[in-house]
Amino acid sequence: MRRDLIVSFVIVASATTAIAVVPEFIKSGPKKIVHKEDTTIKIDLPPPPPVEPDTEDVKELQDQSTTMAPPSLVDVPTNVPLDTISVKAEPPPPPSLKVGGTISVPVQHSSFNGAQIFNLADLDQPPEPRLQPPPQYPFEMRRAGIEGAVDVGFICDTQGHVVNPTVLKSSGHPELDQAAVNAIERWSFRPGKRGGQVVNVRMSELMTFSLENN
């Protein structure tokens, strides 16, 4: 009898415990297991195509390699011995060479204005020299020992300036003729007078180049 009471008590206690636990289990329900999915997207890219060389560049390089030629022997500089170079020297002109003709060097003076030109014999008062620098003896002529005389004609205008110096008689050497004309060109005078008025006068001068005087 006592054994039956114990078994009954155990059954009642188990039933009571089950009644108390089952509602809570039903209410809460079983726990859900959430599986997180991987959101990473994998994209398989195709492999890049192989790089092919430009056919035009390859063709141009091939053309250059085929057309390039080695330098010829003509382009290569060579040393030339000095004894193989010859220069023909021209001999200097002989001192006795004479060149004729006249040299006319115009001077920029316009004092005539259509006025008459007189000779020295027609004047009451001839021109008086104010400045007469001597001619410069050309160095080459003096070193060569060449002498000569040049007759230079010119006009002394109403202001006393020398106008249009011209070689009337050449020395036979253009260097001496030109030196005489250059000297006369720098001369100046007090103008000549006729009837109390200044006039244009035709004059000449003999320029001598002598080694004894220089």
N, C-alpha and C. Protein backbone atom coordinates (compact mmCIF):
# COMPACT_ATOMS: atom_id res chain seq x y z
N MET A 1 0.82 -1.18 0.00
CA MET A 1 0.00 0.00 0.00
C MET A 1 0.86 1.24 0.00
N ARG A 2 1.90 1.26 0.80
CA ARG A 2 2.81 2.39 0.88
C ARG A 2 3.51 2.55 -0.43
N ARG A 3 3.85 1.48 -1.11
CA ARG A 3 4.53 1.57 -2.41
C ARG A 3 3.62 2.21 -3.43
N ASP A 4 2.40 1.91 -3.40
CA ASP A 4 1.47 2.50 -4.35
C ASP A 4 1.33 3.99 -4.11
N LEU A 5 1.36 4.43 -2.84
CA LEU A 5 1.25 5.84 -2.54
C LEU A 5 2.47 6.59 -3.06
N ILE A 6 3.62 6.03 -2.95
CA ILE A 6 4.85 6.70 -3.42
C ILE A 6 4.82 6.84 -4.93
N VAL A 7 4.38 5.79 -5.61
CA VAL A 7 4.33 5.84 -7.09
C VAL A 7 3.32 6.89 -7.53
N SER A 8 2.18 6.91 -6.78
CA SER A 8 1.16 7.90 -7.15
C SER A 8 1.68 9.33 -6.94
N PHE A 9 2.42 9.50 -5.84
CA PHE A 9 2.96 10.83 -5.56
C PHE A 9 3.94 11.26 -6.64
N VAL A 10 4.78 10.37 -7.08
CA VAL A 10 5.77 10.68 -8.13
C VAL A 10 5.06 11.04 -9.42
N ILE A 11 4.01 10.31 -9.76
CA ILE A 11 3.29 10.57 -11.01
C ILE A 11 2.62 11.93 -10.95
N VAL A 12 2.02 12.24 -9.76
CA VAL A 12 1.35 13.54 -9.63
C VAL A 12 2.36 14.67 -9.71
N ALA A 13 3.53 14.52 -9.09
CA ALA A 13 4.55 15.59 -9.13
C ALA A 13 5.07 15.78 -10.55
N SER A 14 5.24 14.69 -11.27
CA SER A 14 5.74 14.81 -12.65
C SER A 14 4.73 15.50 -13.53
N ALA A 15 3.44 15.15 -13.30
CA ALA A 15 2.40 15.76 -14.11
C ALA A 15 2.31 17.24 -13.81
N THR A 16 2.43 17.58 -12.54
CA THR A 16 2.36 19.00 -12.18
C THR A 16 3.51 19.78 -12.80
N THR A 17 4.69 19.20 -12.77
CA THR A 17 5.86 19.89 -13.36
C THR A 17 5.71 20.05 -14.86
N ALA A 18 5.17 19.03 -15.50
CA ALA A 18 4.98 19.10 -16.95
C ALA A 18 3.98 20.15 -17.32
N ILE A 19 2.89 20.24 -16.48
CA ILE A 19 1.87 21.24 -16.77
C ILE A 19 2.46 22.65 -16.64
N ALA A 20 3.39 22.84 -15.71
CA ALA A 20 3.97 24.18 -15.49
C ALA A 20 4.99 24.55 -16.57
N VAL A 21 5.70 23.55 -17.13
CA VAL A 21 6.79 23.84 -18.09
C VAL A 21 6.30 23.92 -19.51
N VAL A 22 5.31 23.11 -19.86
CA VAL A 22 4.87 23.02 -21.25
C VAL A 22 4.33 24.34 -21.76
N PRO A 23 3.52 25.10 -20.99
CA PRO A 23 3.04 26.39 -21.55
C PRO A 23 4.17 27.36 -21.88
N GLU A 24 5.17 27.41 -21.00
CA GLU A 24 6.28 28.33 -21.28
C GLU A 24 7.02 27.92 -22.53
N PHE A 25 7.20 26.61 -22.73
CA PHE A 25 7.91 26.13 -23.92
C PHE A 25 7.13 26.42 -25.19
N ILE A 26 5.77 26.25 -25.04
CA ILE A 26 4.93 26.53 -26.20
C ILE A 26 4.93 28.02 -26.49
N LYS A 27 4.93 28.85 -25.44
CA LYS A 27 4.88 30.29 -25.61
C LYS A 27 6.14 30.83 -26.26
N SER A 28 7.28 30.39 -25.78
CA SER A 28 8.54 30.91 -26.32
C SER A 28 8.89 30.30 -27.64
N GLY A 29 8.52 29.05 -27.83
CA GLY A 29 8.82 28.37 -29.07
C GLY A 29 10.30 28.05 -29.16
N PRO A 30 10.61 27.23 -30.06
CA PRO A 30 12.04 26.85 -30.20
C PRO A 30 12.84 28.01 -30.80
N LYS A 31 14.06 28.08 -30.41
CA LYS A 31 14.97 29.15 -30.93
C LYS A 31 15.33 28.90 -32.37
N LYS A 32 15.19 29.97 -33.14
CA LYS A 32 15.49 29.90 -34.57
C LYS A 32 16.97 30.18 -34.80
N ILE A 33 17.56 29.40 -35.55
CA ILE A 33 18.98 29.57 -35.91
C ILE A 33 19.04 30.30 -37.25
N VAL A 34 19.60 31.53 -37.22
CA VAL A 34 19.68 32.37 -38.43
C VAL A 34 21.07 32.20 -39.04
N HIS A 35 21.08 31.77 -40.24
CA HIS A 35 22.33 31.62 -40.97
C HIS A 35 22.54 32.85 -41.86
N LYS A 36 23.62 33.55 -41.61
CA LYS A 36 23.96 34.74 -42.42
C LYS A 36 24.60 34.30 -43.72
N GLU A 37 24.01 34.78 -44.76
CA GLU A 37 24.54 34.46 -46.08
C GLU A 37 25.67 35.43 -46.46
N ASP A 38 26.61 34.92 -47.14
CA ASP A 38 27.74 35.76 -47.62
C ASP A 38 27.25 36.62 -48.78
N THR A 39 27.34 37.97 -48.57
CA THR A 39 26.85 38.93 -49.60
C THR A 39 27.92 39.31 -50.60
N THR A 40 29.09 38.74 -50.47
CA THR A 40 30.18 39.08 -51.42
C THR A 40 29.87 38.48 -52.78
N ILE A 41 29.91 39.36 -53.80
CA ILE A 41 29.62 38.93 -55.18
C ILE A 41 30.92 38.69 -55.89
N LYS A 42 31.10 37.57 -56.38
CA LYS A 42 32.31 37.20 -57.11
C LYS A 42 32.00 37.26 -58.60
N ILE A 43 32.84 38.06 -59.31
CA ILE A 43 32.69 38.20 -60.77
C ILE A 43 33.95 37.69 -61.42
N ASP A 44 33.81 36.76 -62.24
CA ASP A 44 34.95 36.21 -62.97
C ASP A 44 35.16 37.00 -64.25
N LEU A 45 36.29 37.75 -64.32
CA LEU A 45 36.60 38.55 -65.50
C LEU A 45 37.37 37.71 -66.50
N PRO A 46 37.10 37.96 -67.75
CA PRO A 46 37.86 37.21 -68.77
C PRO A 46 39.30 37.70 -68.82
N PRO A 47 40.26 36.91 -69.18
CA PRO A 47 41.67 37.33 -69.25
C PRO A 47 41.85 38.39 -70.35
N PRO A 48 42.76 39.39 -70.14
CA PRO A 48 42.98 40.43 -71.17
C PRO A 48 43.57 39.83 -72.43
N PRO A 49 43.21 40.40 -73.56
CA PRO A 49 43.77 39.89 -74.82
C PRO A 49 45.26 40.20 -74.89
N PRO A 50 46.02 39.42 -75.55
CA PRO A 50 47.48 39.69 -75.68
C PRO A 50 47.72 40.96 -76.51
N VAL A 51 48.76 41.75 -76.08
CA VAL A 51 49.12 43.00 -76.77
C VAL A 51 49.93 42.67 -78.01
N GLU A 52 49.38 43.09 -79.12
CA GLU A 52 50.07 42.85 -80.38
C GLU A 52 50.80 44.11 -80.82
N PRO A 53 52.03 44.04 -81.30
CA PRO A 53 52.75 45.25 -81.76
C PRO A 53 52.08 45.86 -82.97
N ASP A 54 52.21 47.20 -83.03
CA ASP A 54 51.64 47.92 -84.17
C ASP A 54 52.38 47.52 -85.44
N THR A 55 51.60 47.11 -86.40
CA THR A 55 52.21 46.62 -87.65
C THR A 55 52.91 47.74 -88.40
N GLU A 56 52.38 49.00 -88.30
CA GLU A 56 53.01 50.12 -89.02
C GLU A 56 54.38 50.44 -88.44
N ASP A 57 54.48 50.44 -87.05
CA ASP A 57 55.78 50.72 -86.43
C ASP A 57 56.79 49.65 -86.77
N VAL A 58 56.33 48.37 -86.77
CA VAL A 58 57.25 47.28 -87.10
C VAL A 58 57.72 47.41 -88.53
N LYS A 59 56.81 47.77 -89.42
CA LYS A 59 57.19 47.92 -90.83
C LYS A 59 58.16 49.06 -91.02
N GLU A 60 57.95 50.19 -90.27
CA GLU A 60 58.85 51.32 -90.40
C GLU A 60 60.24 50.97 -89.90
N LEU A 61 60.32 50.24 -88.77
CA LEU A 61 61.63 49.81 -88.26
C LEU A 61 62.32 48.88 -89.23
N GLN A 62 61.55 48.00 -89.86
CA GLN A 62 62.15 47.09 -90.82
C GLN A 62 62.68 47.84 -92.04
N ASP A 63 61.91 48.89 -92.47
CA ASP A 63 62.38 49.67 -93.62
C ASP A 63 63.66 50.42 -93.29
N GLN A 64 63.72 50.97 -92.05
CA GLN A 64 64.93 51.69 -91.67
C GLN A 64 66.13 50.76 -91.58
N SER A 65 65.92 49.58 -91.06
CA SER A 65 67.04 48.65 -90.93
C SER A 65 67.53 48.18 -92.29
N THR A 66 66.58 48.11 -93.26
CA THR A 66 67.01 47.63 -94.57
C THR A 66 67.64 48.74 -95.41
N THR A 67 67.18 50.01 -95.18
CA THR A 67 67.72 51.10 -96.00
C THR A 67 68.96 51.73 -95.41
N MET A 68 69.29 51.47 -94.15
CA MET A 68 70.47 52.07 -93.53
C MET A 68 71.72 51.42 -94.11
N ALA A 69 72.61 52.30 -94.59
CA ALA A 69 73.84 51.81 -95.19
C ALA A 69 75.02 52.29 -94.38
N PRO A 70 76.09 51.57 -94.34
CA PRO A 70 77.28 52.01 -93.59
C PRO A 70 77.89 53.23 -94.24
N PRO A 71 78.56 54.07 -93.45
CA PRO A 71 79.19 55.28 -94.02
C PRO A 71 80.28 54.90 -95.01
N SER A 72 80.31 55.68 -96.08
CA SER A 72 81.31 55.42 -97.10
C SER A 72 82.64 56.00 -96.68
N LEU A 73 83.66 55.58 -97.35
CA LEU A 73 85.00 56.05 -97.02
C LEU A 73 85.18 57.52 -97.37
N VAL A 74 84.31 58.02 -98.25
CA VAL A 74 84.45 59.42 -98.64
C VAL A 74 84.09 60.34 -97.48
N ASP A 75 83.11 59.90 -96.62
CA ASP A 75 82.67 60.73 -95.52
C ASP A 75 83.64 60.72 -94.35
N VAL A 76 84.55 59.79 -94.30
CA VAL A 76 85.46 59.69 -93.18
C VAL A 76 86.60 60.67 -93.39
N PRO A 77 86.81 61.62 -92.44
CA PRO A 77 87.90 62.59 -92.63
C PRO A 77 89.25 61.91 -92.50
N THR A 78 90.15 62.35 -93.29
CA THR A 78 91.50 61.81 -93.26
C THR A 78 92.49 62.94 -93.06
N ASN A 79 93.60 62.61 -92.51
CA ASN A 79 94.65 63.59 -92.29
C ASN A 79 95.45 63.77 -93.57
N VAL A 80 95.53 65.01 -94.01
CA VAL A 80 96.27 65.33 -95.23
C VAL A 80 97.61 65.91 -94.83
N PRO A 81 98.70 65.38 -95.30
CA PRO A 81 100.01 65.95 -94.96
C PRO A 81 100.11 67.40 -95.44
N LEU A 82 100.78 68.20 -94.63
CA LEU A 82 100.91 69.62 -94.99
C LEU A 82 101.76 69.83 -96.22
N ASP A 83 102.68 68.89 -96.48
CA ASP A 83 103.55 69.11 -97.63
C ASP A 83 102.84 68.84 -98.95
N THR A 84 101.60 68.29 -98.88
CA THR A 84 100.86 68.03 -100.12
C THR A 84 99.97 69.19 -100.51
N ILE A 85 99.85 70.21 -99.63
CA ILE A 85 98.99 71.36 -99.91
C ILE A 85 99.86 72.47 -100.52
N SER A 86 99.43 72.93 -101.64
CA SER A 86 100.17 73.99 -102.32
C SER A 86 99.21 75.12 -102.66
N VAL A 87 99.63 76.33 -102.36
CA VAL A 87 98.84 77.53 -102.65
C VAL A 87 99.67 78.42 -103.57
N LYS A 88 99.08 78.77 -104.67
CA LYS A 88 99.77 79.60 -105.63
C LYS A 88 99.67 81.06 -105.21
N ALA A 89 100.81 81.67 -104.94
CA ALA A 89 100.85 83.07 -104.53
C ALA A 89 101.02 83.96 -105.74
N GLU A 90 100.24 85.04 -105.75
CA GLU A 90 100.32 85.98 -106.86
C GLU A 90 101.44 86.97 -106.60
N PRO A 91 102.30 87.23 -107.55
CA PRO A 91 103.40 88.17 -107.35
C PRO A 91 102.87 89.60 -107.26
N PRO A 92 103.55 90.47 -106.51
CA PRO A 92 103.11 91.88 -106.42
C PRO A 92 103.33 92.58 -107.74
N PRO A 93 102.57 93.63 -108.00
CA PRO A 93 102.75 94.37 -109.26
C PRO A 93 104.12 95.04 -109.30
N PRO A 94 104.74 95.09 -110.44
CA PRO A 94 106.05 95.74 -110.55
C PRO A 94 105.95 97.22 -110.27
N PRO A 95 106.99 97.78 -109.65
CA PRO A 95 106.94 99.23 -109.32
C PRO A 95 106.84 100.11 -110.55
N SER A 96 107.32 99.62 -111.68
CA SER A 96 107.31 100.45 -112.89
C SER A 96 105.96 100.48 -113.59
N LEU A 97 104.96 99.75 -113.04
CA LEU A 97 103.65 99.73 -113.67
C LEU A 97 102.98 101.09 -113.53
N LYS A 98 102.54 101.63 -114.62
CA LYS A 98 101.91 102.94 -114.63
C LYS A 98 100.46 102.81 -115.08
N VAL A 99 99.62 103.48 -114.37
CA VAL A 99 98.19 103.45 -114.68
C VAL A 99 97.77 104.86 -115.05
N GLY A 100 97.27 105.01 -116.24
CA GLY A 100 96.85 106.33 -116.69
C GLY A 100 95.43 106.64 -116.28
N GLY A 101 94.96 107.79 -116.66
CA GLY A 101 93.59 108.19 -116.37
C GLY A 101 93.55 109.28 -115.33
N THR A 102 92.38 109.79 -115.09
CA THR A 102 92.18 110.87 -114.14
C THR A 102 91.23 110.42 -113.05
N ILE A 103 91.34 111.01 -111.90
CA ILE A 103 90.49 110.71 -110.75
C ILE A 103 89.75 111.98 -110.38
N SER A 104 88.46 111.89 -110.31
CA SER A 104 87.63 113.03 -109.96
C SER A 104 86.85 112.72 -108.70
N VAL A 105 87.06 113.52 -107.68
CA VAL A 105 86.37 113.33 -106.41
C VAL A 105 85.49 114.54 -106.17
N PRO A 106 84.19 114.42 -106.38
CA PRO A 106 83.32 115.58 -106.17
C PRO A 106 83.17 115.91 -104.70
N VAL A 107 83.12 117.19 -104.38
CA VAL A 107 82.93 117.66 -103.01
C VAL A 107 81.52 118.22 -102.89
N GLN A 108 80.89 117.93 -101.74
CA GLN A 108 79.49 118.33 -101.57
C GLN A 108 79.40 119.81 -101.17
N HIS A 109 79.70 120.71 -102.14
CA HIS A 109 79.49 122.14 -101.95
C HIS A 109 78.66 122.63 -103.13
N SER A 110 77.60 123.31 -102.86
CA SER A 110 76.74 123.83 -103.93
C SER A 110 76.67 125.34 -103.82
N SER A 111 77.83 125.97 -104.04
CA SER A 111 77.88 127.43 -103.90
C SER A 111 77.83 128.15 -105.23
N PHE A 112 77.75 127.40 -106.35
CA PHE A 112 77.79 128.06 -107.65
C PHE A 112 76.47 128.74 -107.96
N ASN A 113 75.39 127.98 -107.95
CA ASN A 113 74.07 128.54 -108.25
C ASN A 113 74.05 129.24 -109.62
N GLY A 114 74.78 128.66 -110.56
CA GLY A 114 74.79 129.24 -111.90
C GLY A 114 75.70 130.45 -112.05
N ALA A 115 76.51 130.75 -111.02
CA ALA A 115 77.38 131.93 -111.10
C ALA A 115 78.56 131.66 -112.02
N GLN A 116 79.17 132.72 -112.56
CA GLN A 116 80.29 132.60 -113.48
C GLN A 116 81.57 132.24 -112.72
N ILE A 117 82.43 131.45 -113.39
CA ILE A 117 83.71 131.05 -112.82
C ILE A 117 84.81 131.83 -113.54
N PHE A 118 85.69 132.49 -112.78
CA PHE A 118 86.75 133.32 -113.34
C PHE A 118 88.10 132.63 -113.19
N ASN A 119 89.04 133.08 -114.01
CA ASN A 119 90.42 132.65 -113.87
C ASN A 119 91.16 133.61 -112.94
N LEU A 120 92.34 133.19 -112.51
CA LEU A 120 93.11 134.04 -111.59
C LEU A 120 93.48 135.38 -112.24
N ALA A 121 93.72 135.35 -113.54
CA ALA A 121 94.12 136.59 -114.21
C ALA A 121 92.99 137.60 -114.28
N ASP A 122 91.75 137.18 -114.06
CA ASP A 122 90.61 138.08 -114.16
C ASP A 122 90.26 138.73 -112.82
N LEU A 123 90.96 138.40 -111.77
CA LEU A 123 90.58 138.86 -110.44
C LEU A 123 91.37 140.11 -110.04
N ASP A 124 90.72 140.90 -109.17
CA ASP A 124 91.39 142.03 -108.55
C ASP A 124 92.18 141.57 -107.32
N GLN A 125 91.65 140.53 -106.66
CA GLN A 125 92.31 139.99 -105.46
C GLN A 125 92.22 138.47 -105.51
N PRO A 126 93.33 137.74 -105.64
CA PRO A 126 93.28 136.28 -105.71
C PRO A 126 92.95 135.67 -104.35
N PRO A 127 92.51 134.42 -104.33
CA PRO A 127 92.23 133.76 -103.05
C PRO A 127 93.51 133.63 -102.22
N GLU A 128 93.37 133.79 -100.91
CA GLU A 128 94.48 133.66 -99.98
C GLU A 128 94.34 132.36 -99.20
N PRO A 129 95.39 131.54 -99.17
CA PRO A 129 95.30 130.27 -98.43
C PRO A 129 95.07 130.50 -96.94
N ARG A 130 94.19 129.70 -96.37
CA ARG A 130 93.95 129.71 -94.93
C ARG A 130 94.39 128.41 -94.29
N LEU A 131 94.11 127.30 -94.95
CA LEU A 131 94.48 125.98 -94.41
C LEU A 131 94.92 125.11 -95.58
N GLN A 132 96.17 124.62 -95.51
CA GLN A 132 96.70 123.78 -96.58
C GLN A 132 97.49 122.60 -95.98
N PRO A 133 96.79 121.57 -95.46
CA PRO A 133 97.51 120.40 -94.93
C PRO A 133 98.21 119.65 -96.05
N PRO A 134 99.43 119.15 -95.80
CA PRO A 134 100.16 118.43 -96.86
C PRO A 134 99.52 117.07 -97.11
N PRO A 135 99.77 116.47 -98.25
CA PRO A 135 99.22 115.14 -98.55
C PRO A 135 99.90 114.06 -97.72
N GLN A 136 99.19 112.99 -97.50
CA GLN A 136 99.73 111.83 -96.79
C GLN A 136 100.40 110.90 -97.81
N TYR A 137 101.71 110.66 -97.62
CA TYR A 137 102.44 109.78 -98.52
C TYR A 137 101.96 108.35 -98.30
N PRO A 138 101.41 107.67 -99.30
CA PRO A 138 100.95 106.27 -99.10
C PRO A 138 102.11 105.39 -98.63
N PHE A 139 101.85 104.59 -97.64
CA PHE A 139 102.90 103.77 -97.02
C PHE A 139 103.49 102.78 -98.02
N GLU A 140 102.65 102.14 -98.81
CA GLU A 140 103.15 101.16 -99.78
C GLU A 140 104.03 101.83 -100.83
N MET A 141 103.65 103.02 -101.26
CA MET A 141 104.44 103.74 -102.26
C MET A 141 105.79 104.18 -101.68
N ARG A 142 105.78 104.65 -100.45
CA ARG A 142 107.03 105.09 -99.84
C ARG A 142 107.95 103.90 -99.56
N ARG A 143 107.39 102.78 -99.12
CA ARG A 143 108.23 101.60 -98.86
C ARG A 143 108.83 101.08 -100.16
N ALA A 144 108.07 101.18 -101.26
CA ALA A 144 108.59 100.72 -102.54
C ALA A 144 109.51 101.75 -103.21
N GLY A 145 109.66 102.94 -102.59
CA GLY A 145 110.53 103.97 -103.15
C GLY A 145 109.97 104.65 -104.37
N ILE A 146 108.64 104.75 -104.47
CA ILE A 146 107.99 105.36 -105.64
C ILE A 146 107.72 106.82 -105.35
N GLU A 147 108.12 107.68 -106.27
CA GLU A 147 107.87 109.11 -106.19
C GLU A 147 107.00 109.54 -107.36
N GLY A 148 106.50 110.77 -107.29
CA GLY A 148 105.68 111.28 -108.39
C GLY A 148 105.11 112.64 -108.08
N ALA A 149 104.52 113.24 -109.10
CA ALA A 149 103.88 114.56 -108.96
C ALA A 149 102.51 114.50 -109.61
N VAL A 150 101.54 115.17 -108.98
CA VAL A 150 100.15 115.14 -109.44
C VAL A 150 99.69 116.58 -109.59
N ASP A 151 99.15 116.91 -110.75
CA ASP A 151 98.59 118.23 -110.98
C ASP A 151 97.08 118.15 -110.76
N VAL A 152 96.58 118.86 -109.77
CA VAL A 152 95.17 118.79 -109.38
C VAL A 152 94.52 120.13 -109.68
N GLY A 153 93.42 120.11 -110.41
CA GLY A 153 92.63 121.31 -110.67
C GLY A 153 91.39 121.32 -109.80
N PHE A 154 90.95 122.53 -109.42
CA PHE A 154 89.78 122.65 -108.55
C PHE A 154 89.20 124.05 -108.69
N ILE A 155 88.10 124.29 -107.99
CA ILE A 155 87.44 125.59 -107.99
C ILE A 155 87.36 126.07 -106.55
N CYS A 156 87.76 127.32 -106.34
CA CYS A 156 87.59 127.95 -105.03
C CYS A 156 86.32 128.79 -105.10
N ASP A 157 85.31 128.37 -104.33
CA ASP A 157 84.02 129.05 -104.44
C ASP A 157 84.01 130.34 -103.63
N THR A 158 82.84 130.98 -103.57
CA THR A 158 82.71 132.28 -102.91
C THR A 158 82.84 132.17 -101.39
N GLN A 159 82.84 130.96 -100.85
CA GLN A 159 83.04 130.78 -99.41
C GLN A 159 84.46 130.31 -99.08
N GLY A 160 85.28 130.16 -100.11
CA GLY A 160 86.65 129.74 -99.90
C GLY A 160 86.83 128.24 -99.82
N HIS A 161 85.79 127.45 -100.16
CA HIS A 161 85.88 126.00 -100.13
C HIS A 161 86.39 125.47 -101.47
N VAL A 162 87.01 124.30 -101.41
CA VAL A 162 87.49 123.63 -102.62
C VAL A 162 86.36 122.78 -103.18
N VAL A 163 86.09 122.95 -104.47
CA VAL A 163 84.99 122.24 -105.12
C VAL A 163 85.55 121.47 -106.32
N ASN A 164 85.08 120.23 -106.47
CA ASN A 164 85.39 119.38 -107.62
C ASN A 164 86.90 119.28 -107.91
N PRO A 165 87.69 118.78 -106.97
CA PRO A 165 89.11 118.55 -107.28
C PRO A 165 89.25 117.43 -108.31
N THR A 166 90.07 117.65 -109.33
CA THR A 166 90.22 116.71 -110.45
C THR A 166 91.70 116.61 -110.82
N VAL A 167 92.13 115.37 -111.13
CA VAL A 167 93.51 115.14 -111.54
C VAL A 167 93.65 115.62 -112.99
N LEU A 168 94.42 116.69 -113.19
CA LEU A 168 94.68 117.18 -114.53
C LEU A 168 95.83 116.41 -115.19
N LYS A 169 96.82 116.04 -114.40
CA LYS A 169 97.96 115.27 -114.90
C LYS A 169 98.34 114.24 -113.85
N SER A 170 98.21 112.96 -114.21
CA SER A 170 98.44 111.88 -113.26
C SER A 170 99.93 111.64 -113.05
N SER A 171 100.25 111.11 -111.86
CA SER A 171 101.62 110.71 -111.55
C SER A 171 101.95 109.33 -112.11
N GLY A 172 100.93 108.64 -112.61
CA GLY A 172 101.12 107.28 -113.07
C GLY A 172 100.83 106.24 -112.01
N HIS A 173 100.50 106.69 -110.80
CA HIS A 173 100.20 105.78 -109.70
C HIS A 173 98.89 106.23 -109.04
N PRO A 174 97.86 105.44 -109.11
CA PRO A 174 96.57 105.87 -108.53
C PRO A 174 96.65 106.20 -107.06
N GLU A 175 97.55 105.54 -106.33
CA GLU A 175 97.65 105.82 -104.89
C GLU A 175 98.12 107.25 -104.65
N LEU A 176 99.10 107.70 -105.42
CA LEU A 176 99.59 109.08 -105.27
C LEU A 176 98.54 110.08 -105.74
N ASP A 177 97.85 109.76 -106.83
CA ASP A 177 96.81 110.66 -107.33
C ASP A 177 95.71 110.86 -106.29
N GLN A 178 95.28 109.76 -105.70
CA GLN A 178 94.19 109.85 -104.71
C GLN A 178 94.64 110.60 -103.47
N ALA A 179 95.89 110.41 -103.04
CA ALA A 179 96.40 111.12 -101.86
C ALA A 179 96.44 112.62 -102.13
N ALA A 180 96.81 113.03 -103.35
CA ALA A 180 96.84 114.45 -103.69
C ALA A 180 95.43 115.04 -103.68
N VAL A 181 94.47 114.33 -104.26
CA VAL A 181 93.08 114.83 -104.28
C VAL A 181 92.54 114.96 -102.87
N ASN A 182 92.82 113.99 -102.00
CA ASN A 182 92.33 114.04 -100.62
C ASN A 182 92.92 115.23 -99.88
N ALA A 183 94.18 115.57 -100.16
CA ALA A 183 94.79 116.72 -99.47
C ALA A 183 94.17 118.03 -99.95
N ILE A 184 94.02 118.21 -101.27
CA ILE A 184 93.42 119.44 -101.81
C ILE A 184 92.00 119.63 -101.30
N GLU A 185 91.29 118.56 -101.15
CA GLU A 185 89.90 118.64 -100.68
C GLU A 185 89.79 119.28 -99.31
N ARG A 186 90.84 119.17 -98.48
CA ARG A 186 90.79 119.73 -97.12
C ARG A 186 91.28 121.18 -97.06
N TRP A 187 91.71 121.71 -98.19
CA TRP A 187 92.21 123.08 -98.19
C TRP A 187 91.04 124.07 -98.09
N SER A 188 91.38 125.28 -97.62
CA SER A 188 90.40 126.38 -97.58
C SER A 188 91.12 127.69 -97.84
N PHE A 189 90.36 128.68 -98.37
CA PHE A 189 90.93 129.97 -98.78
C PHE A 189 90.02 131.10 -98.32
N ARG A 190 90.60 132.29 -98.36
CA ARG A 190 89.77 133.50 -98.35
C ARG A 190 89.36 133.74 -99.80
N PRO A 191 88.09 133.90 -100.08
CA PRO A 191 87.63 133.94 -101.47
C PRO A 191 88.30 135.06 -102.27
N GLY A 192 88.48 134.80 -103.57
CA GLY A 192 88.98 135.83 -104.47
C GLY A 192 87.88 136.84 -104.79
N LYS A 193 88.33 138.06 -105.20
CA LYS A 193 87.37 139.15 -105.45
C LYS A 193 87.61 139.74 -106.83
N ARG A 194 86.49 140.19 -107.39
CA ARG A 194 86.50 140.90 -108.67
C ARG A 194 85.48 142.03 -108.58
N GLY A 195 85.94 143.23 -108.73
CA GLY A 195 85.05 144.39 -108.59
C GLY A 195 84.50 144.51 -107.19
N GLY A 196 85.28 144.08 -106.20
CA GLY A 196 84.85 144.19 -104.80
C GLY A 196 83.89 143.09 -104.37
N GLN A 197 83.57 142.14 -105.24
CA GLN A 197 82.65 141.06 -104.93
C GLN A 197 83.41 139.72 -104.95
N VAL A 198 83.04 138.85 -104.02
CA VAL A 198 83.65 137.51 -104.01
C VAL A 198 83.10 136.73 -105.20
N VAL A 199 84.00 135.96 -105.83
CA VAL A 199 83.62 135.21 -107.03
C VAL A 199 84.23 133.81 -106.94
N ASN A 200 83.74 132.94 -107.85
CA ASN A 200 84.28 131.60 -107.98
C ASN A 200 85.52 131.64 -108.89
N VAL A 201 86.57 130.94 -108.46
CA VAL A 201 87.84 131.02 -109.17
C VAL A 201 88.29 129.61 -109.52
N ARG A 202 88.78 129.47 -110.77
CA ARG A 202 89.35 128.20 -111.22
C ARG A 202 90.84 128.20 -110.90
N MET A 203 91.32 127.15 -110.18
CA MET A 203 92.70 127.10 -109.72
C MET A 203 93.28 125.70 -109.96
N SER A 204 94.59 125.54 -109.77
CA SER A 204 95.27 124.25 -109.87
C SER A 204 96.48 124.26 -108.95
N GLU A 205 96.93 123.06 -108.57
CA GLU A 205 98.06 122.92 -107.67
C GLU A 205 98.82 121.66 -108.03
N LEU A 206 100.17 121.77 -108.02
CA LEU A 206 101.02 120.62 -108.31
C LEU A 206 101.48 120.02 -106.98
N MET A 207 101.06 118.78 -106.73
CA MET A 207 101.41 118.07 -105.50
C MET A 207 102.56 117.11 -105.81
N THR A 208 103.68 117.27 -105.08
CA THR A 208 104.86 116.46 -105.32
C THR A 208 105.08 115.48 -104.17
N PHE A 209 105.32 114.23 -104.51
CA PHE A 209 105.63 113.19 -103.52
C PHE A 209 107.11 112.82 -103.71
N SER A 210 107.92 113.17 -102.73
CA SER A 210 109.35 112.94 -102.81
C SER A 210 109.83 112.29 -101.52
N LEU A 211 110.69 111.30 -101.63
CA LEU A 211 111.20 110.61 -100.45
C LEU A 211 112.14 111.51 -99.66
N GLU A 212 112.76 112.50 -100.28
CA GLU A 212 113.66 113.40 -99.58
C GLU A 212 112.92 114.33 -98.66
N ASN A 213 111.70 114.68 -99.01
CA ASN A 213 110.92 115.62 -98.20
C ASN A 213 110.02 114.91 -97.18
N ASN A 214 110.01 113.57 -97.16
CA ASN A 214 109.13 112.85 -96.24
C ASN A 214 109.97 111.88 -95.41
